[in-house]
């Protein structure tokens, strides 16, 4: 004969007790909470995918100190962006944001940020992107990519960022 220790017996009884309690068929009491029914629409059907816009950021375009002139090294990057934007009209609008480092007055940095965004816009239009698909805005030094008070931070903050509003159903 084999011997069952006390802990094994307690565990077995607990398992039996819990399994019997779980097989109860009594309905749960109605606490008066009613689930609100929503009208069925085409978008809520499982076979219809409603497009949802998602913001996609491309790699930034960097600038030299106090400059709004595109670097030669960024032209190939922007050519690739332009080609992709042209090939994918379903991507919608492209927003170009101009940014600056913390040096200079707020007014100066906002103007410089606007010029940087405009330089990127001009180049994309030259590459064939329809101007009506592009918008620009400036943040000056209000949104630094890297916080710091030296050249290693400032070089990351002198930039233009490109944001695309891409429909999820278009990207699938």
C-alpha atoms as a PDB file:
ATOM      1  CA  UNK A   1       0.000   0.000   0.000  1.00  0.00           C
ATOM      2  CA  UNK A   2       1.095   3.508  -0.588  1.00  0.00           C
ATOM      3  CA  UNK A   3       0.949   6.309   1.905  1.00  0.00           C
ATOM      4  CA  UNK A   4      -0.621   9.716   1.125  1.00  0.00           C
ATOM      5  CA  UNK A   5       0.693  12.522   3.243  1.00  0.00           C
ATOM      6  CA  UNK A   6      -1.574  15.130   4.798  1.00  0.00           C
ATOM      7  CA  UNK A   7      -0.634  17.914   2.304  1.00  0.00           C
ATOM      8  CA  UNK A   8      -1.491  15.747  -0.685  1.00  0.00           C
ATOM      9  CA  UNK A   9      -4.916  14.934   0.814  1.00  0.00           C
ATOM     10  CA  UNK A  10      -5.653  18.602   1.546  1.00  0.00           C
ATOM     11  CA  UNK A  11      -4.654  19.577  -1.972  1.00  0.00           C
ATOM     12  CA  UNK A  12      -6.843  16.815  -3.472  1.00  0.00           C
ATOM     13  CA  UNK A  13      -9.886  17.857  -1.405  1.00  0.00           C
ATOM     14  CA  UNK A  14      -9.339  21.503  -2.295  1.00  0.00           C
ATOM     15  CA  UNK A  15      -9.166  20.637  -6.001  1.00  0.00           C
ATOM     16  CA  UNK A  16     -12.383  18.598  -5.794  1.00  0.00           C
ATOM     17  CA  UNK A  17     -14.143  21.325  -3.816  1.00  0.00           C
ATOM     18  CA  UNK A  18     -13.088  24.041  -6.264  1.00  0.00           C
ATOM     19  CA  UNK A  19     -14.038  22.008  -9.328  1.00  0.00           C
ATOM     20  CA  UNK A  20     -17.511  21.325  -7.937  1.00  0.00           C
ATOM     21  CA  UNK A  21     -17.964  25.022  -7.251  1.00  0.00           C
ATOM     22  CA  UNK A  22     -16.984  25.875 -10.820  1.00  0.00           C
ATOM     23  CA  UNK A  23     -19.619  23.605 -12.377  1.00  0.00           C
ATOM     24  CA  UNK A  24     -22.518  25.580 -10.999  1.00  0.00           C
ATOM     25  CA  UNK A  25     -25.237  26.163 -13.586  1.00  0.00           C
ATOM     26  CA  UNK A  26     -27.128  28.873 -11.741  1.00  0.00           C
ATOM     27  CA  UNK A  27     -27.376  32.095 -13.744  1.00  0.00           C
ATOM     28  CA  UNK A  28     -25.528  35.151 -12.540  1.00  0.00           C
ATOM     29  CA  UNK A  29     -27.885  37.637 -10.950  1.00  0.00           C
ATOM     30  CA  UNK A  30     -28.979  40.608 -13.050  1.00  0.00           C
ATOM     31  CA  UNK A  31     -27.678  43.682 -11.287  1.00  0.00           C
ATOM     32  CA  UNK A  32     -29.659  46.011 -13.510  1.00  0.00           C
ATOM     33  CA  UNK A  33     -26.713  46.865 -15.705  1.00  0.00           C
ATOM     34  CA  UNK A  34     -27.733  46.799 -19.330  1.00  0.00           C
ATOM     35  CA  UNK A  35     -25.162  46.854 -22.072  1.00  0.00           C
ATOM     36  CA  UNK A  36     -25.873  49.729 -24.408  1.00  0.00           C
ATOM     37  CA  UNK A  37     -26.528  48.511 -27.909  1.00  0.00           C
ATOM     38  CA  UNK A  38     -24.928  50.510 -30.663  1.00  0.00           C
ATOM     39  CA  UNK A  39     -26.357  50.679 -34.158  1.00  0.00           C
ATOM     40  CA  UNK A  40     -24.661  48.413 -36.643  1.00  0.00           C
ATOM     41  CA  UNK A  41     -22.845  50.238 -39.424  1.00  0.00           C
ATOM     42  CA  UNK A  42     -20.763  49.119 -42.346  1.00  0.00           C
ATOM     43  CA  UNK A  43     -17.576  50.083 -40.499  1.00  0.00           C
ATOM     44  CA  UNK A  44     -18.415  47.824 -37.551  1.00  0.00           C
ATOM     45  CA  UNK A  45     -18.813  44.704 -39.697  1.00  0.00           C
ATOM     46  CA  UNK A  46     -15.794  42.403 -39.416  1.00  0.00           C
ATOM     47  CA  UNK A  47     -15.261  42.135 -43.191  1.00  0.00           C
ATOM     48  CA  UNK A  48     -15.041  45.928 -43.688  1.00  0.00           C
ATOM     49  CA  UNK A  49     -11.816  47.670 -42.691  1.00  0.00           C
ATOM     50  CA  UNK A  50     -12.254  51.350 -41.931  1.00  0.00           C
ATOM     51  CA  UNK A  51      -9.113  53.330 -42.732  1.00  0.00           C
ATOM     52  CA  UNK A  52      -7.403  54.860 -39.719  1.00  0.00           C
ATOM     53  CA  UNK A  53      -4.805  57.564 -40.259  1.00  0.00           C
ATOM     54  CA  UNK A  54      -1.472  56.945 -38.593  1.00  0.00           C
ATOM     55  CA  UNK A  55       1.303  59.496 -38.384  1.00  0.00           C
ATOM     56  CA  UNK A  56       4.595  58.180 -39.739  1.00  0.00           C
ATOM     57  CA  UNK A  57       7.855  60.078 -39.217  1.00  0.00           C
ATOM     58  CA  UNK A  58      10.646  59.889 -41.746  1.00  0.00           C
ATOM     59  CA  UNK A  59      14.314  60.423 -40.891  1.00  0.00           C
ATOM     60  CA  UNK A  60      15.040  64.115 -40.238  1.00  0.00           C
ATOM     61  CA  UNK A  61      16.912  66.405 -42.586  1.00  0.00           C
ATOM     62  CA  UNK A  62      19.727  68.202 -40.752  1.00  0.00           C
ATOM     63  CA  UNK A  63      21.059  71.731 -41.329  1.00  0.00           C
ATOM     64  CA  UNK A  64      24.209  73.672 -40.524  1.00  0.00           C
ATOM     65  CA  UNK A  65      24.200  76.455 -37.914  1.00  0.00           C
ATOM     66  CA  UNK A  66      22.061  79.455 -38.948  1.00  0.00           C
ATOM     67  CA  UNK A  67      21.405  77.842 -42.343  1.00  0.00           C
ATOM     68  CA  UNK A  68      18.318  76.827 -44.288  1.00  0.00           C
ATOM     69  CA  UNK A  69      20.281  75.424 -47.229  1.00  0.00           C
ATOM     70  CA  UNK A  70      19.969  71.694 -47.885  1.00  0.00           C
ATOM     71  CA  UNK A  71      23.191  69.749 -47.449  1.00  0.00           C
ATOM     72  CA  UNK A  72      24.357  67.720 -50.436  1.00  0.00           C
ATOM     73  CA  UNK A  73      24.291  64.609 -48.273  1.00  0.00           C
ATOM     74  CA  UNK A  74      20.513  64.972 -47.738  1.00  0.00           C
ATOM     75  CA  UNK A  75      19.533  65.351 -51.394  1.00  0.00           C
ATOM     76  CA  UNK A  76      19.532  61.598 -52.077  1.00  0.00           C
ATOM     77  CA  UNK A  77      17.451  61.021 -48.949  1.00  0.00           C
ATOM     78  CA  UNK A  78      14.893  63.599 -50.091  1.00  0.00           C
ATOM     79  CA  UNK A  79      14.870  62.178 -53.648  1.00  0.00           C
ATOM     80  CA  UNK A  80      13.923  58.809 -52.179  1.00  0.00           C
ATOM     81  CA  UNK A  81      11.203  60.393 -50.053  1.00  0.00           C
ATOM     82  CA  UNK A  82       9.819  62.265 -53.080  1.00  0.00           C
ATOM     83  CA  UNK A  83       9.738  59.105 -55.190  1.00  0.00           C
ATOM     84  CA  UNK A  84       7.875  57.183 -52.487  1.00  0.00           C
ATOM     85  CA  UNK A  85       5.418  60.014 -51.848  1.00  0.00           C
ATOM     86  CA  UNK A  86       4.642  60.289 -55.572  1.00  0.00           C
ATOM     87  CA  UNK A  87       4.200  56.516 -55.924  1.00  0.00           C
ATOM     88  CA  UNK A  88       1.824  56.397 -52.932  1.00  0.00           C
ATOM     89  CA  UNK A  89      -0.876  59.067 -53.241  1.00  0.00           C
ATOM     90  CA  UNK A  90      -2.903  57.154 -50.642  1.00  0.00           C
ATOM     91  CA  UNK A  91      -0.376  58.310 -48.040  1.00  0.00           C
ATOM     92  CA  UNK A  92      -2.079  61.695 -48.065  1.00  0.00           C
ATOM     93  CA  UNK A  93      -0.528  64.887 -46.725  1.00  0.00           C
ATOM     94  CA  UNK A  94       3.122  65.431 -45.914  1.00  0.00           C
ATOM     95  CA  UNK A  95       3.797  67.899 -43.107  1.00  0.00           C
ATOM     96  CA  UNK A  96       7.283  69.375 -42.910  1.00  0.00           C
ATOM     97  CA  UNK A  97       8.276  70.756 -39.521  1.00  0.00           C
ATOM     98  CA  UNK A  98      11.136  73.230 -39.141  1.00  0.00           C
ATOM     99  CA  UNK A  99      13.206  73.089 -35.934  1.00  0.00           C
ATOM    100  CA  UNK A 100      16.189  74.985 -34.516  1.00  0.00           C
ATOM    101  CA  UNK A 101      18.647  74.701 -31.668  1.00  0.00           C
ATOM    102  CA  UNK A 102      18.202  76.846 -28.571  1.00  0.00           C
ATOM    103  CA  UNK A 103      20.535  79.645 -29.659  1.00  0.00           C
ATOM    104  CA  UNK A 104      18.910  82.802 -31.000  1.00  0.00           C
ATOM    105  CA  UNK A 105      15.702  84.592 -30.060  1.00  0.00           C
ATOM    106  CA  UNK A 106      12.314  82.901 -30.314  1.00  0.00           C
ATOM    107  CA  UNK A 107      11.388  85.133 -33.241  1.00  0.00           C
ATOM    108  CA  UNK A 108      14.620  84.376 -35.103  1.00  0.00           C
ATOM    109  CA  UNK A 109      14.325  80.622 -34.501  1.00  0.00           C
ATOM    110  CA  UNK A 110      10.709  80.528 -35.707  1.00  0.00           C
ATOM    111  CA  UNK A 111      11.676  82.324 -38.907  1.00  0.00           C
ATOM    112  CA  UNK A 112      14.687  80.039 -39.422  1.00  0.00           C
ATOM    113  CA  UNK A 113      12.549  76.964 -38.788  1.00  0.00           C
ATOM    114  CA  UNK A 114      10.046  78.219 -41.382  1.00  0.00           C
ATOM    115  CA  UNK A 115      12.861  78.711 -43.918  1.00  0.00           C
ATOM    116  CA  UNK A 116      14.179  75.187 -43.256  1.00  0.00           C
ATOM    117  CA  UNK A 117      10.747  73.641 -43.790  1.00  0.00           C
ATOM    118  CA  UNK A 118      10.311  75.733 -46.962  1.00  0.00           C
ATOM    119  CA  UNK A 119      13.689  74.517 -48.321  1.00  0.00           C
ATOM    120  CA  UNK A 120      12.588  70.894 -47.934  1.00  0.00           C
ATOM    121  CA  UNK A 121       9.195  71.702 -49.466  1.00  0.00           C
ATOM    122  CA  UNK A 122      10.781  73.397 -52.515  1.00  0.00           C
ATOM    123  CA  UNK A 123      13.027  70.413 -53.140  1.00  0.00           C
ATOM    124  CA  UNK A 124      10.167  67.882 -52.861  1.00  0.00           C
ATOM    125  CA  UNK A 125       8.099  69.963 -55.310  1.00  0.00           C
ATOM    126  CA  UNK A 126      11.090  70.117 -57.695  1.00  0.00           C
ATOM    127  CA  UNK A 127      11.210  66.316 -57.494  1.00  0.00           C
ATOM    128  CA  UNK A 128       7.539  66.116 -58.537  1.00  0.00           C
ATOM    129  CA  UNK A 129       5.557  65.987 -55.286  1.00  0.00           C
ATOM    130  CA  UNK A 130       2.312  67.950 -55.795  1.00  0.00           C
ATOM    131  CA  UNK A 131       2.422  71.138 -53.685  1.00  0.00           C
ATOM    132  CA  UNK A 132      -1.157  70.546 -52.491  1.00  0.00           C
ATOM    133  CA  UNK A 133       0.062  67.437 -50.662  1.00  0.00           C
ATOM    134  CA  UNK A 134       2.585  69.408 -48.606  1.00  0.00           C
ATOM    135  CA  UNK A 135       2.108  71.644 -45.587  1.00  0.00           C
ATOM    136  CA  UNK A 136       4.789  73.293 -43.470  1.00  0.00           C
ATOM    137  CA  UNK A 137       5.019  74.567 -39.928  1.00  0.00           C
ATOM    138  CA  UNK A 138       7.733  75.796 -37.627  1.00  0.00           C
ATOM    139  CA  UNK A 139       8.470  75.043 -34.012  1.00  0.00           C
ATOM    140  CA  UNK A 140      11.649  77.109 -33.732  1.00  0.00           C
ATOM    141  CA  UNK A 141      13.494  75.797 -30.687  1.00  0.00           C
ATOM    142  CA  UNK A 142      10.299  74.741 -28.850  1.00  0.00           C
ATOM    143  CA  UNK A 143      10.680  70.991 -29.504  1.00  0.00           C
ATOM    144  CA  UNK A 144      14.299  69.897 -29.224  1.00  0.00           C
ATOM    145  CA  UNK A 145      15.129  66.373 -30.343  1.00  0.00           C
ATOM    146  CA  UNK A 146      17.997  66.293 -27.839  1.00  0.00           C
ATOM    147  CA  UNK A 147      18.128  68.389 -24.677  1.00  0.00           C
ATOM    148  CA  UNK A 148      21.529  69.928 -24.075  1.00  0.00           C
ATOM    149  CA  UNK A 149      23.546  73.100 -24.261  1.00  0.00           C
ATOM    150  CA  UNK A 150      26.425  72.118 -26.523  1.00  0.00           C
ATOM    151  CA  UNK A 151      27.143  71.230 -30.140  1.00  0.00           C
ATOM    152  CA  UNK A 152      26.405  67.517 -29.632  1.00  0.00           C
ATOM    153  CA  UNK A 153      22.786  68.427 -28.775  1.00  0.00           C
ATOM    154  CA  UNK A 154      22.430  71.411 -31.102  1.00  0.00           C
ATOM    155  CA  UNK A 155      23.349  69.450 -34.254  1.00  0.00           C
ATOM    156  CA  UNK A 156      20.366  67.134 -33.677  1.00  0.00           C
ATOM    157  CA  UNK A 157      18.016  70.069 -33.142  1.00  0.00           C
ATOM    158  CA  UNK A 158      18.841  71.907 -36.409  1.00  0.00           C
ATOM    159  CA  UNK A 159      16.473  69.869 -38.532  1.00  0.00           C
ATOM    160  CA  UNK A 160      13.298  69.472 -40.521  1.00  0.00           C
ATOM    161  CA  UNK A 161      11.066  66.509 -39.802  1.00  0.00           C
ATOM    162  CA  UNK A 162       8.651  65.012 -42.305  1.00  0.00           C
ATOM    163  CA  UNK A 163       5.391  63.531 -41.062  1.00  0.00           C
ATOM    164  CA  UNK A 164       3.075  61.456 -43.262  1.00  0.00           C
ATOM    165  CA  UNK A 165      -0.574  60.779 -42.515  1.00  0.00           C
ATOM    166  CA  UNK A 166      -0.857  57.198 -43.727  1.00  0.00           C
ATOM    167  CA  UNK A 167      -4.139  55.288 -43.763  1.00  0.00           C
ATOM    168  CA  UNK A 168      -3.766  51.886 -42.064  1.00  0.00           C
ATOM    169  CA  UNK A 169      -5.822  50.147 -44.739  1.00  0.00           C
ATOM    170  CA  UNK A 170      -3.574  51.717 -47.390  1.00  0.00           C
ATOM    171  CA  UNK A 171      -0.443  50.361 -45.723  1.00  0.00           C
ATOM    172  CA  UNK A 172      -1.709  46.780 -45.534  1.00  0.00           C
END
